[in-house]
């Protein structure tokens, strides 16, 4: 929904969400987005940032979901803190929680763990994968970190100059690369 479609159509779960001259409002698409640069609302505290997409939930359910996500990202005590008071890694975790809060059908993740230390990145990636499975959310993760892709993804797409070279399981990428580029990219 950030750019209008010039050609073709975009369908999600059988619903047309975008075509030339016709666009479903972003809030009705059930798509979450985690930006590489966080894009948190500076005038909202952490809890209100996370609750932003939960406008239709009753207050008690909204508080419960926010607390669940604060526990997931390890910031239980930071609900009343503002984004500028957090480290970059903490801001990234809040952005992830905000995107997951309304339980989108699809979650787009643009390098969501890149600003975190290795230990926290691994732990959060496992927890996020578990929560995505539990909530049955499809996620599309963009990363340059091969280990992250192999550890968190069911299917992996390897791209070169904007073209998809192979879309496959980690096992098949490693054992049956479709071309020399994929073989070199994945490793020996």
Protein backbone atom coordinates (compact mmCIF):
# COMPACT_ATOMS: atom_id res chain seq x y z
CA UNK A 1 0.00 0.00 0.00
CA UNK A 2 2.98 2.37 0.02
CA UNK A 3 3.05 2.74 -3.75
CA UNK A 4 0.18 2.47 -6.23
CA UNK A 5 0.31 -0.51 -8.59
CA UNK A 6 1.06 0.45 -12.19
CA UNK A 7 0.52 -3.00 -13.76
CA UNK A 8 -0.93 -6.30 -12.61
CA UNK A 9 -2.73 -7.10 -9.38
CA UNK A 10 -1.81 -8.11 -5.84
CA UNK A 11 -3.96 -10.75 -4.14
CA UNK A 12 -3.72 -11.87 -0.52
CA UNK A 13 -5.62 -15.01 0.46
CA UNK A 14 -7.79 -14.72 -2.63
CA UNK A 15 -8.70 -11.04 -2.04
CA UNK A 16 -7.55 -8.42 -4.50
CA UNK A 17 -5.85 -5.72 -2.46
CA UNK A 18 -4.29 -3.66 -5.24
CA UNK A 19 -4.65 -3.06 -8.96
CA UNK A 20 -4.25 0.00 -11.18
CA UNK A 21 -6.88 2.49 -10.03
CA UNK A 22 -8.10 0.27 -7.16
CA UNK A 23 -6.46 -0.10 -3.76
CA UNK A 24 -7.81 -1.69 -0.58
CA UNK A 25 -7.06 0.57 2.42
CA UNK A 26 -3.90 -0.68 4.20
CA UNK A 27 -5.70 -1.14 7.53
CA UNK A 28 -8.04 -3.71 5.91
CA UNK A 29 -5.27 -5.82 4.36
CA UNK A 30 -4.16 -7.59 7.57
CA UNK A 31 -0.50 -7.03 6.70
CA UNK A 32 2.04 -6.05 9.33
CA UNK A 33 5.35 -4.35 8.57
CA UNK A 34 8.59 -4.05 10.51
CA UNK A 35 10.83 -1.42 8.97
CA UNK A 36 14.60 -1.56 9.20
CA UNK A 37 14.59 1.95 10.71
CA UNK A 38 11.85 1.08 13.29
CA UNK A 39 9.39 3.92 12.37
CA UNK A 40 8.07 4.18 15.94
CA UNK A 41 5.74 7.02 16.90
CA UNK A 42 7.91 9.36 19.04
CA UNK A 43 4.90 10.93 20.81
CA UNK A 44 3.57 7.55 22.01
CA UNK A 45 5.07 5.49 24.82
CA UNK A 46 6.06 1.87 24.20
CA UNK A 47 2.70 0.41 25.28
CA UNK A 48 0.74 2.81 23.07
CA UNK A 49 3.09 2.16 20.14
CA UNK A 50 2.41 -1.58 20.48
CA UNK A 51 -1.34 -1.01 20.94
CA UNK A 52 -1.57 1.28 17.89
CA UNK A 53 -3.13 -1.37 15.61
CA UNK A 54 -5.48 -2.71 18.28
CA UNK A 55 -8.09 0.05 18.14
CA UNK A 56 -11.06 -2.34 17.80
CA UNK A 57 -10.16 -4.56 20.78
CA UNK A 58 -11.80 -4.03 24.17
CA UNK A 59 -9.50 -2.28 26.66
CA UNK A 60 -8.81 -5.44 28.74
CA UNK A 61 -7.92 -7.52 25.68
CA UNK A 62 -5.73 -4.70 24.38
CA UNK A 63 -3.82 -4.50 27.71
CA UNK A 64 -3.40 -8.29 27.76
CA UNK A 65 -2.01 -8.40 24.20
CA UNK A 66 0.39 -5.51 24.93
CA UNK A 67 1.64 -7.23 28.11
CA UNK A 68 2.08 -10.54 26.24
CA UNK A 69 4.20 -8.80 23.61
CA UNK A 70 6.19 -6.78 26.16
CA UNK A 71 7.10 -10.10 27.84
CA UNK A 72 8.03 -11.61 24.45
CA UNK A 73 10.44 -8.79 23.65
CA UNK A 74 11.84 -8.62 27.19
CA UNK A 75 10.63 -5.09 27.95
CA UNK A 76 7.95 -5.77 30.58
CA UNK A 77 8.92 -2.68 32.59
CA UNK A 78 9.19 -0.30 29.61
CA UNK A 79 5.50 0.25 28.79
CA UNK A 80 5.56 3.91 29.85
CA UNK A 81 8.96 4.63 28.28
CA UNK A 82 9.22 6.67 25.08
CA UNK A 83 11.13 5.43 22.01
CA UNK A 84 13.92 8.02 22.34
CA UNK A 85 14.70 6.63 25.81
CA UNK A 86 15.42 3.15 24.39
CA UNK A 87 18.49 1.68 22.72
CA UNK A 88 18.32 0.86 19.02
CA UNK A 89 17.85 -2.84 19.74
CA UNK A 90 15.02 -2.10 22.17
CA UNK A 91 13.34 0.17 19.61
CA UNK A 92 13.60 -2.61 17.05
CA UNK A 93 11.90 -5.04 19.45
CA UNK A 94 9.08 -2.54 20.04
CA UNK A 95 8.60 -2.15 16.28
CA UNK A 96 8.39 -5.93 15.95
CA UNK A 97 5.83 -6.18 18.77
CA UNK A 98 3.74 -3.37 17.24
CA UNK A 99 3.61 -5.16 13.88
CA UNK A 100 2.64 -8.47 15.49
CA UNK A 101 0.05 -7.01 17.89
CA UNK A 102 -3.02 -7.22 15.62
CA UNK A 103 -2.09 -10.76 14.52
CA UNK A 104 -1.72 -9.94 10.82
CA UNK A 105 -2.16 -12.66 8.22
CA UNK A 106 1.17 -11.63 6.66
CA UNK A 107 4.08 -9.95 8.39
CA UNK A 108 6.76 -8.23 6.30
CA UNK A 109 10.10 -7.99 8.10
CA UNK A 110 12.91 -5.84 6.72
CA UNK A 111 16.06 -7.01 8.57
CA UNK A 112 14.25 -6.94 11.95
CA UNK A 113 17.11 -8.43 13.98
CA UNK A 114 20.05 -6.59 12.41
CA UNK A 115 20.55 -4.13 15.29
CA UNK A 116 20.58 -6.76 18.02
CA UNK A 117 23.51 -8.56 19.60
CA UNK A 118 23.97 -12.18 18.50
CA UNK A 119 22.54 -13.80 21.63
CA UNK A 120 19.43 -11.61 21.71
CA UNK A 121 18.99 -11.97 17.93
CA UNK A 122 18.96 -15.78 18.16
CA UNK A 123 16.62 -15.82 21.17
CA UNK A 124 14.20 -13.29 19.70
CA UNK A 125 14.23 -15.01 16.28
CA UNK A 126 13.24 -18.32 17.92
CA UNK A 127 10.52 -16.69 20.01
CA UNK A 128 9.16 -14.73 17.05
CA UNK A 129 9.08 -17.87 14.91
CA UNK A 130 7.20 -19.67 17.69
CA UNK A 131 4.69 -16.82 18.06
CA UNK A 132 4.19 -16.58 14.29
CA UNK A 133 3.48 -20.33 14.15
CA UNK A 134 1.13 -20.13 17.14
CA UNK A 135 -0.80 -17.21 15.64
CA UNK A 136 -0.58 -18.77 12.13
CA UNK A 137 1.02 -15.65 10.65
CA UNK A 138 2.91 -15.93 7.38
CA UNK A 139 6.09 -13.88 7.48
CA UNK A 140 8.34 -12.65 4.71
CA UNK A 141 11.79 -11.88 6.09
CA UNK A 142 14.33 -9.84 4.15
CA UNK A 143 17.86 -10.46 5.42
CA UNK A 144 21.44 -10.54 4.24
CA UNK A 145 22.29 -12.94 7.08
CA UNK A 146 22.30 -16.47 5.65
CA UNK A 147 22.38 -18.11 9.08
CA UNK A 148 19.31 -16.12 10.13
CA UNK A 149 17.48 -17.13 6.94
CA UNK A 150 18.40 -20.81 7.33
CA UNK A 151 17.49 -20.85 11.04
CA UNK A 152 14.15 -19.06 10.84
CA UNK A 153 12.66 -19.81 7.42
CA UNK A 154 10.65 -22.66 5.98
CA UNK A 155 11.37 -21.44 2.45
CA UNK A 156 14.18 -19.18 1.27
CA UNK A 157 14.45 -17.07 -1.85
CA UNK A 158 17.92 -16.20 -3.12
CA UNK A 159 17.96 -13.04 -5.24
CA UNK A 160 20.55 -11.57 -7.58
CA UNK A 161 20.13 -8.10 -9.12
CA UNK A 162 16.41 -8.05 -8.28
CA UNK A 163 15.68 -11.47 -9.79
CA UNK A 164 14.70 -14.56 -7.86
CA UNK A 165 17.26 -17.29 -8.54
CA UNK A 166 15.84 -20.05 -6.34
CA UNK A 167 12.89 -20.41 -3.95
CA UNK A 168 13.32 -23.54 -1.88
CA UNK A 169 13.95 -25.15 1.49
CA UNK A 170 17.30 -24.60 3.18
CA UNK A 171 18.13 -28.26 2.56
CA UNK A 172 17.47 -28.01 -1.19
CA UNK A 173 19.30 -24.69 -1.51
CA UNK A 174 22.35 -26.23 0.10
CA UNK A 175 22.24 -29.65 -1.59
CA UNK A 176 20.62 -28.79 -4.94
CA UNK A 177 21.40 -25.20 -5.94
CA UNK A 178 19.87 -24.33 -9.33
CA UNK A 179 22.89 -22.40 -10.59
CA UNK A 180 26.45 -21.35 -9.80
CA UNK A 181 25.36 -18.07 -8.17
CA UNK A 182 23.15 -19.88 -5.61
CA UNK A 183 25.90 -22.48 -4.98
CA UNK A 184 28.49 -19.75 -4.34
CA UNK A 185 26.08 -17.69 -2.25
CA UNK A 186 25.08 -20.59 0.02
CA UNK A 187 28.67 -21.75 0.47
CA UNK A 188 30.78 -24.83 -0.03
